[in-house]
């Protein structure tokens, strides 16, 4: 009897066996390099306005400014009356002599609201001069007819032959109240011309 190889060793099968179990996960690979930066995105919308902050502290008081200027003046439109002394103001003049002098002062009064020292006194006769050998003295009086101050610092004197004068060294302090200016001739009557006076600092 003839025996073949297959008969002797057994036959070979062509069938595939079942899949074996999955092996363990291998180690993690190295981290890759960073990618390039993306393009800048558009600007976002403006945010809401924040709440108002608290008021800051008050700053220090500034330095006191220079004193303001004071200017007082009076005048007559008409000629001075034929008297030795007259009140001048409010566009006219009034007799300042004798019993009527104090009463007439009320017509020429002006008001001063605060204490002030006046350092310049100006006086003028319009359209004429003081007669030679005479002088015309302007002075401030309070409402009781009492002169304010005395001496050269309290008056403005127009000498004979002149039409005006200025006393730049005056020192006349007026407190709140009412006052008037009187013009007095050194002798005889005041000039029969309009007059003007001014006080300032």
Protein backbone atom coordinates (compact mmCIF):
# COMPACT_ATOMS: atom_id res chain seq x y z
CA UNK A 1 0.00 0.00 0.00
CA UNK A 2 1.25 3.36 -0.94
CA UNK A 3 1.30 6.04 1.80
CA UNK A 4 1.50 9.70 0.80
CA UNK A 5 3.18 12.41 2.81
CA UNK A 6 -0.14 13.91 3.68
CA UNK A 7 -1.26 10.62 4.83
CA UNK A 8 1.78 10.26 7.00
CA UNK A 9 2.02 13.73 8.63
CA UNK A 10 -1.55 14.79 8.57
CA UNK A 11 -3.18 17.43 6.37
CA UNK A 12 -2.45 21.21 6.60
CA UNK A 13 -5.51 23.53 7.27
CA UNK A 14 -5.97 26.84 5.43
CA UNK A 15 -8.34 28.33 8.08
CA UNK A 16 -7.29 31.74 9.92
CA UNK A 17 -7.44 31.61 13.63
CA UNK A 18 -9.17 34.26 15.83
CA UNK A 19 -7.57 37.75 16.37
CA UNK A 20 -5.38 37.90 19.37
CA UNK A 21 -5.89 40.48 22.19
CA UNK A 22 -4.79 44.16 21.66
CA UNK A 23 -1.35 44.86 22.93
CA UNK A 24 -0.67 47.61 25.50
CA UNK A 25 -0.63 51.35 24.40
CA UNK A 26 2.78 52.52 23.42
CA UNK A 27 4.46 55.52 25.16
CA UNK A 28 3.22 59.13 24.29
CA UNK A 29 5.24 60.82 21.65
CA UNK A 30 7.15 64.10 22.20
CA UNK A 31 5.14 67.45 22.19
CA UNK A 32 5.09 69.12 18.83
CA UNK A 33 6.32 72.71 18.22
CA UNK A 34 3.91 75.73 18.69
CA UNK A 35 1.99 76.82 15.69
CA UNK A 36 2.36 80.39 14.30
CA UNK A 37 0.31 83.24 15.95
CA UNK A 38 -3.01 83.94 14.36
CA UNK A 39 -3.91 87.43 13.00
CA UNK A 40 -5.00 90.16 15.52
CA UNK A 41 -8.73 90.19 16.02
CA UNK A 42 -10.83 93.36 15.55
CA UNK A 43 -10.99 96.00 18.38
CA UNK A 44 -13.76 95.37 20.81
CA UNK A 45 -16.51 97.95 21.49
CA UNK A 46 -15.83 100.89 23.87
CA UNK A 47 -16.73 100.07 27.43
CA UNK A 48 -19.26 102.00 29.51
CA UNK A 49 -18.19 105.29 31.12
CA UNK A 50 -17.15 104.82 34.69
CA UNK A 51 -18.87 106.55 37.61
CA UNK A 52 -17.91 110.17 38.38
CA UNK A 53 -15.20 110.40 40.97
CA UNK A 54 -15.62 112.22 44.26
CA UNK A 55 -15.05 116.00 44.35
CA UNK A 56 -11.51 116.94 45.21
CA UNK A 57 -10.60 119.01 48.23
CA UNK A 58 -10.93 122.82 48.00
CA UNK A 59 -7.67 124.49 47.11
CA UNK A 60 -6.03 127.15 49.29
CA UNK A 61 -7.30 130.72 49.21
CA UNK A 62 -5.55 132.87 46.64
CA UNK A 63 -3.65 136.03 47.46
CA UNK A 64 -5.64 139.19 48.10
CA UNK A 65 -5.87 141.38 45.02
CA UNK A 66 -4.84 144.99 44.90
CA UNK A 67 -7.30 147.54 46.29
CA UNK A 68 -9.73 148.94 43.76
CA UNK A 69 -9.83 152.60 42.77
CA UNK A 70 -12.34 155.02 44.24
CA UNK A 71 -13.38 158.16 42.38
CA UNK A 72 -15.77 160.78 43.73
CA UNK A 73 -16.67 163.99 41.92
CA UNK A 74 -19.04 166.92 41.86
CA UNK A 75 -19.66 169.89 39.58
CA UNK A 76 -21.82 172.89 38.80
CA UNK A 77 -23.47 173.62 35.48
CA UNK A 78 -24.28 177.18 36.51
CA UNK A 79 -21.85 179.87 37.68
CA UNK A 80 -20.85 179.95 41.33
CA UNK A 81 -23.07 182.30 43.32
CA UNK A 82 -21.71 185.60 44.64
CA UNK A 83 -20.78 184.27 48.07
CA UNK A 84 -17.53 183.77 49.91
CA UNK A 85 -18.25 180.04 50.31
CA UNK A 86 -20.49 177.63 48.39
CA UNK A 87 -21.38 173.94 48.44
CA UNK A 88 -20.64 172.29 45.09
CA UNK A 89 -22.31 169.15 43.73
CA UNK A 90 -25.27 167.63 41.89
CA UNK A 91 -24.78 170.07 39.02
CA UNK A 92 -25.26 173.24 41.05
CA UNK A 93 -24.01 175.28 44.02
CA UNK A 94 -25.54 176.64 47.22
CA UNK A 95 -24.69 179.32 49.74
CA UNK A 96 -22.44 177.87 52.44
CA UNK A 97 -22.26 180.99 54.62
CA UNK A 98 -24.22 182.14 57.62
CA UNK A 99 -27.30 180.51 59.07
CA UNK A 100 -28.29 178.85 55.79
CA UNK A 101 -24.90 177.23 55.27
CA UNK A 102 -25.53 173.97 57.14
CA UNK A 103 -29.08 173.62 55.84
CA UNK A 104 -27.95 174.07 52.24
CA UNK A 105 -25.27 171.40 52.61
CA UNK A 106 -27.95 168.70 52.19
CA UNK A 107 -28.32 169.69 48.51
CA UNK A 108 -24.72 168.74 47.73
CA UNK A 109 -24.29 165.55 49.80
CA UNK A 110 -22.80 162.41 48.27
CA UNK A 111 -22.74 158.90 49.76
CA UNK A 112 -19.70 156.79 50.71
CA UNK A 113 -20.43 153.09 51.32
CA UNK A 114 -17.15 151.95 52.89
CA UNK A 115 -14.14 153.38 54.65
CA UNK A 116 -11.67 154.75 52.13
CA UNK A 117 -8.62 156.99 52.23
CA UNK A 118 -8.41 159.37 49.28
CA UNK A 119 -4.97 160.50 48.24
CA UNK A 120 -5.60 162.84 45.33
CA UNK A 121 -7.78 165.97 45.30
CA UNK A 122 -8.43 167.93 42.09
CA UNK A 123 -10.34 171.20 41.60
CA UNK A 124 -11.04 173.43 38.61
CA UNK A 125 -12.76 176.66 37.60
CA UNK A 126 -14.19 176.51 34.07
CA UNK A 127 -13.81 179.48 31.72
CA UNK A 128 -11.85 181.69 34.10
CA UNK A 129 -9.28 181.87 36.87
CA UNK A 130 -9.12 182.76 40.53
CA UNK A 131 -8.48 186.47 40.94
CA UNK A 132 -4.89 187.47 41.53
CA UNK A 133 -3.98 187.83 45.16
CA UNK A 134 -6.72 185.41 46.22
CA UNK A 135 -7.09 181.64 46.49
CA UNK A 136 -10.00 179.20 46.34
CA UNK A 137 -9.93 176.30 48.82
CA UNK A 138 -11.92 173.07 48.30
CA UNK A 139 -12.50 170.84 51.34
CA UNK A 140 -14.69 167.87 52.37
CA UNK A 141 -17.21 168.22 55.21
CA UNK A 142 -19.35 165.61 56.97
CA UNK A 143 -23.14 165.92 57.14
CA UNK A 144 -22.85 167.98 60.34
CA UNK A 145 -20.80 170.63 58.57
CA UNK A 146 -17.53 169.59 60.22
CA UNK A 147 -14.39 169.58 58.05
CA UNK A 148 -12.78 166.19 57.43
CA UNK A 149 -9.11 166.53 58.34
CA UNK A 150 -7.12 169.74 58.37
CA UNK A 151 -4.11 171.33 56.81
CA UNK A 152 -2.61 170.83 53.34
CA UNK A 153 -3.41 167.09 53.20
CA UNK A 154 -7.15 167.76 53.55
CA UNK A 155 -7.63 170.50 50.95
CA UNK A 156 -7.10 171.45 47.32
CA UNK A 157 -6.22 175.11 46.79
CA UNK A 158 -6.40 176.94 43.46
CA UNK A 159 -4.01 179.90 43.71
CA UNK A 160 -4.66 183.35 42.25
CA UNK A 161 -4.29 183.56 38.48
CA UNK A 162 -4.84 179.80 38.03
CA UNK A 163 -7.88 177.83 36.91
CA UNK A 164 -7.09 174.45 38.50
CA UNK A 165 -4.97 172.61 41.03
CA UNK A 166 -4.28 169.08 42.18
CA UNK A 167 -3.14 167.88 45.59
CA UNK A 168 -1.37 164.57 44.93
CA UNK A 169 -0.37 164.30 48.60
CA UNK A 170 -3.86 164.37 50.05
CA UNK A 171 -4.89 162.01 52.86
CA UNK A 172 -8.62 162.20 53.45
CA UNK A 173 -10.25 159.23 55.20
CA UNK A 174 -14.01 158.91 54.77
CA UNK A 175 -16.07 156.42 56.75
CA UNK A 176 -19.46 155.18 55.55
CA UNK A 177 -21.80 158.14 55.47
CA UNK A 178 -22.67 161.29 53.53
CA UNK A 179 -20.39 164.23 52.77
CA UNK A 180 -20.20 167.44 50.78
CA UNK A 181 -17.47 169.64 49.31
CA UNK A 182 -17.26 173.35 50.03
CA UNK A 183 -15.30 175.95 48.04
CA UNK A 184 -14.21 178.98 50.05
CA UNK A 185 -12.56 182.16 48.76
CA UNK A 186 -9.68 183.55 50.81
CA UNK A 187 -11.31 186.99 50.49
CA UNK A 188 -14.35 188.32 48.73
CA UNK A 189 -16.65 186.14 46.68
CA UNK A 190 -15.83 182.94 44.80
CA UNK A 191 -15.29 183.34 41.03
CA UNK A 192 -18.54 183.59 39.10
CA UNK A 193 -17.73 180.56 36.95
CA UNK A 194 -18.73 176.87 36.93
CA UNK A 195 -16.56 174.63 39.11
CA UNK A 196 -15.58 170.97 39.35
CA UNK A 197 -13.88 168.78 41.96
CA UNK A 198 -12.73 165.15 42.13
CA UNK A 199 -11.31 162.88 44.83
CA UNK A 200 -9.54 159.59 44.17
CA UNK A 201 -6.92 157.11 45.29
